[in-house]
N, C-alpha and C. Protein backbone atom coordinates (compact mmCIF):
# COMPACT_ATOMS: atom_id res chain seq x y z
N MET A 1 0.84 -1.16 0.00
CA MET A 1 0.00 0.00 0.00
C MET A 1 0.90 1.24 0.00
N THR A 2 0.58 2.20 -0.82
CA THR A 2 1.39 3.41 -0.91
C THR A 2 1.10 4.33 0.28
N LEU A 3 1.99 5.29 0.48
CA LEU A 3 1.78 6.25 1.56
C LEU A 3 0.49 7.04 1.36
N ASN A 4 0.21 7.39 0.12
CA ASN A 4 -1.00 8.14 -0.17
C ASN A 4 -2.24 7.33 0.20
N GLN A 5 -2.23 6.04 -0.11
CA GLN A 5 -3.36 5.19 0.24
C GLN A 5 -3.49 5.04 1.76
N GLN A 6 -2.35 4.91 2.45
CA GLN A 6 -2.38 4.81 3.91
C GLN A 6 -2.93 6.11 4.52
N TYR A 7 -2.50 7.24 3.96
CA TYR A 7 -2.98 8.53 4.45
C TYR A 7 -4.49 8.66 4.29
N LYS A 8 -4.98 8.28 3.11
CA LYS A 8 -6.41 8.38 2.86
C LYS A 8 -7.21 7.45 3.77
N SER A 9 -6.69 6.25 4.01
CA SER A 9 -7.42 5.31 4.86
C SER A 9 -7.36 5.70 6.34
N SER A 10 -6.37 6.51 6.73
CA SER A 10 -6.27 6.94 8.13
C SER A 10 -7.28 8.04 8.46
N ARG A 11 -7.74 8.75 7.44
CA ARG A 11 -8.70 9.86 7.61
C ARG A 11 -8.19 10.88 8.62
N SER A 12 -6.90 11.16 8.53
CA SER A 12 -6.27 12.09 9.45
C SER A 12 -6.64 13.53 9.11
N PRO A 13 -6.80 14.38 10.12
CA PRO A 13 -7.08 15.79 9.86
C PRO A 13 -5.82 16.56 9.44
N LEU A 14 -4.66 15.93 9.59
CA LEU A 14 -3.39 16.57 9.22
C LEU A 14 -3.24 16.60 7.70
N THR A 15 -2.38 17.50 7.23
CA THR A 15 -2.04 17.47 5.80
C THR A 15 -1.17 16.25 5.55
N PHE A 16 -1.04 15.88 4.30
CA PHE A 16 -0.27 14.69 3.95
C PHE A 16 1.16 14.80 4.47
N LYS A 17 1.78 15.96 4.25
CA LYS A 17 3.17 16.17 4.68
C LYS A 17 3.30 16.05 6.20
N GLU A 18 2.39 16.66 6.93
CA GLU A 18 2.42 16.57 8.39
C GLU A 18 2.19 15.13 8.85
N TRP A 19 1.27 14.44 8.17
CA TRP A 19 0.97 13.06 8.53
C TRP A 19 2.19 12.16 8.33
N VAL A 20 2.89 12.36 7.21
CA VAL A 20 4.09 11.55 6.94
C VAL A 20 5.15 11.82 8.01
N PHE A 21 5.39 13.08 8.35
CA PHE A 21 6.38 13.40 9.38
C PHE A 21 5.99 12.79 10.72
N GLU A 22 4.70 12.82 11.04
CA GLU A 22 4.22 12.23 12.29
C GLU A 22 4.44 10.72 12.30
N GLN A 23 4.17 10.08 11.17
CA GLN A 23 4.38 8.64 11.07
C GLN A 23 5.86 8.28 11.19
N GLN A 24 6.71 9.12 10.62
CA GLN A 24 8.14 8.89 10.73
C GLN A 24 8.61 9.02 12.17
N LYS A 25 8.10 10.03 12.89
CA LYS A 25 8.47 10.22 14.30
C LYS A 25 8.08 9.01 15.13
N ASN A 26 6.89 8.47 14.85
CA ASN A 26 6.39 7.33 15.62
C ASN A 26 6.99 6.01 15.18
N GLY A 27 7.68 6.00 14.03
CA GLY A 27 8.26 4.76 13.51
C GLY A 27 7.22 3.83 12.93
N ASP A 28 6.10 4.37 12.49
CA ASP A 28 5.01 3.56 11.97
C ASP A 28 5.11 3.28 10.47
N LEU A 29 6.04 3.89 9.80
CA LEU A 29 6.18 3.65 8.36
C LEU A 29 7.05 2.42 8.16
N ASP A 30 6.54 1.48 7.42
CA ASP A 30 7.34 0.30 7.09
C ASP A 30 7.50 0.23 5.59
N PHE A 31 8.74 0.22 5.16
CA PHE A 31 9.05 0.19 3.74
C PHE A 31 9.56 -1.19 3.37
N ASP A 32 9.22 -1.60 2.18
CA ASP A 32 9.76 -2.84 1.63
C ASP A 32 11.16 -2.52 1.11
N ASP A 33 12.19 -3.03 1.78
CA ASP A 33 13.56 -2.70 1.42
C ASP A 33 13.92 -3.13 0.00
N ALA A 34 13.24 -4.13 -0.51
CA ALA A 34 13.54 -4.60 -1.86
C ALA A 34 13.21 -3.53 -2.89
N LYS A 35 12.25 -2.67 -2.60
CA LYS A 35 11.89 -1.61 -3.54
C LYS A 35 12.98 -0.56 -3.65
N PHE A 36 13.75 -0.37 -2.58
CA PHE A 36 14.74 0.69 -2.55
C PHE A 36 16.15 0.18 -2.80
N SER A 37 16.31 -1.10 -3.01
CA SER A 37 17.62 -1.67 -3.25
C SER A 37 17.82 -1.83 -4.76
N ALA A 38 18.97 -1.44 -5.23
CA ALA A 38 19.24 -1.52 -6.66
C ALA A 38 19.29 -2.97 -7.14
N ASP A 39 19.64 -3.89 -6.27
CA ASP A 39 19.75 -5.29 -6.68
C ASP A 39 18.68 -6.15 -6.05
N GLY A 40 17.71 -5.59 -5.44
CA GLY A 40 16.63 -6.36 -4.85
C GLY A 40 17.03 -7.22 -3.70
N ASN A 41 17.97 -6.75 -2.92
CA ASN A 41 18.50 -7.46 -1.76
C ASN A 41 19.14 -8.79 -2.11
N ASN A 42 19.59 -8.92 -3.30
CA ASN A 42 20.28 -10.13 -3.71
C ASN A 42 21.60 -9.71 -4.35
N PRO A 43 22.59 -9.36 -3.52
CA PRO A 43 23.83 -8.83 -4.09
C PRO A 43 24.56 -9.87 -4.93
N LYS A 44 24.97 -9.44 -6.10
CA LYS A 44 25.72 -10.31 -7.01
C LYS A 44 26.96 -9.57 -7.45
N ILE A 45 28.08 -10.24 -7.37
CA ILE A 45 29.32 -9.66 -7.87
C ILE A 45 29.50 -10.22 -9.28
N GLU A 46 29.63 -9.31 -10.23
CA GLU A 46 29.73 -9.72 -11.62
C GLU A 46 31.00 -9.19 -12.25
N PHE A 47 31.48 -9.93 -13.21
CA PHE A 47 32.62 -9.52 -14.02
C PHE A 47 32.21 -9.72 -15.46
N ALA A 48 32.17 -8.64 -16.23
CA ALA A 48 31.75 -8.65 -17.63
C ALA A 48 30.34 -9.21 -17.78
N GLY A 49 29.48 -8.94 -16.78
CA GLY A 49 28.10 -9.38 -16.85
C GLY A 49 27.87 -10.82 -16.45
N ILE A 50 28.92 -11.52 -16.04
CA ILE A 50 28.80 -12.93 -15.63
C ILE A 50 29.04 -13.00 -14.13
N PRO A 51 28.12 -13.64 -13.38
CA PRO A 51 28.34 -13.75 -11.94
C PRO A 51 29.66 -14.46 -11.62
N VAL A 52 30.37 -13.96 -10.63
CA VAL A 52 31.70 -14.48 -10.28
C VAL A 52 31.63 -15.95 -9.89
N ILE A 53 30.54 -16.41 -9.31
CA ILE A 53 30.42 -17.82 -8.93
C ILE A 53 30.55 -18.73 -10.15
N TYR A 54 29.97 -18.32 -11.27
CA TYR A 54 30.07 -19.13 -12.49
C TYR A 54 31.48 -19.10 -13.07
N ILE A 55 32.13 -17.96 -12.96
CA ILE A 55 33.51 -17.87 -13.43
C ILE A 55 34.39 -18.79 -12.59
N GLY A 56 34.17 -18.80 -11.27
CA GLY A 56 34.94 -19.68 -10.38
C GLY A 56 34.71 -21.15 -10.69
N ILE A 57 33.46 -21.53 -10.91
CA ILE A 57 33.16 -22.92 -11.24
C ILE A 57 33.82 -23.30 -12.56
N GLY A 58 33.78 -22.41 -13.53
CA GLY A 58 34.42 -22.68 -14.81
C GLY A 58 35.93 -22.84 -14.69
N LEU A 59 36.55 -21.98 -13.88
CA LEU A 59 38.00 -22.09 -13.68
C LEU A 59 38.38 -23.40 -13.00
N VAL A 60 37.61 -23.81 -12.01
CA VAL A 60 37.88 -25.08 -11.33
C VAL A 60 37.75 -26.24 -12.32
N ALA A 61 36.74 -26.19 -13.17
CA ALA A 61 36.54 -27.26 -14.16
C ALA A 61 37.69 -27.28 -15.17
N ILE A 62 38.12 -26.12 -15.63
CA ILE A 62 39.22 -26.07 -16.61
C ILE A 62 40.53 -26.55 -15.99
N ILE A 63 40.84 -26.08 -14.79
CA ILE A 63 42.08 -26.50 -14.13
C ILE A 63 42.03 -27.99 -13.82
N GLY A 64 40.87 -28.47 -13.39
CA GLY A 64 40.72 -29.90 -13.14
C GLY A 64 40.92 -30.72 -14.41
N ALA A 65 40.39 -30.23 -15.52
CA ALA A 65 40.55 -30.95 -16.79
C ALA A 65 42.01 -30.93 -17.23
N ILE A 66 42.69 -29.81 -17.08
CA ILE A 66 44.10 -29.72 -17.46
C ILE A 66 44.95 -30.68 -16.62
N TYR A 67 44.60 -30.84 -15.38
CA TYR A 67 45.36 -31.70 -14.48
C TYR A 67 45.01 -33.17 -14.69
N LEU A 68 43.73 -33.50 -14.90
CA LEU A 68 43.30 -34.89 -14.96
C LEU A 68 43.46 -35.55 -16.32
N ILE A 69 43.30 -34.81 -17.41
CA ILE A 69 43.38 -35.41 -18.74
C ILE A 69 44.74 -36.06 -18.98
N PRO A 70 45.86 -35.41 -18.68
CA PRO A 70 47.14 -36.10 -18.88
C PRO A 70 47.30 -37.35 -17.98
N LYS A 71 46.73 -37.35 -16.80
CA LYS A 71 46.82 -38.51 -15.93
C LYS A 71 46.05 -39.70 -16.51
N PHE A 72 44.92 -39.45 -17.14
CA PHE A 72 44.12 -40.53 -17.71
C PHE A 72 44.69 -41.06 -19.02
N ARG A 73 45.49 -40.28 -19.71
CA ARG A 73 46.09 -40.71 -20.97
C ARG A 73 47.20 -41.72 -20.74
N LYS A 74 47.79 -41.74 -19.58
CA LYS A 74 48.90 -42.66 -19.31
C LYS A 74 48.42 -44.05 -19.08
């Protein structure tokens, strides 16, 4: 529910601005943090648009293949 909708449903005699300040003082405003977060509360570290976890998995697979393939050829 938006602040404007909350204000209208409260039927407060205060102006909207005064009502918002009063709600802030009382700590009654609850915001969905996901709306204000650039990443939606799911931080991802990326390199060239690829999540670092996938780069790490790929590097482990490549290094493992470089190490294991010569061992299996013998």
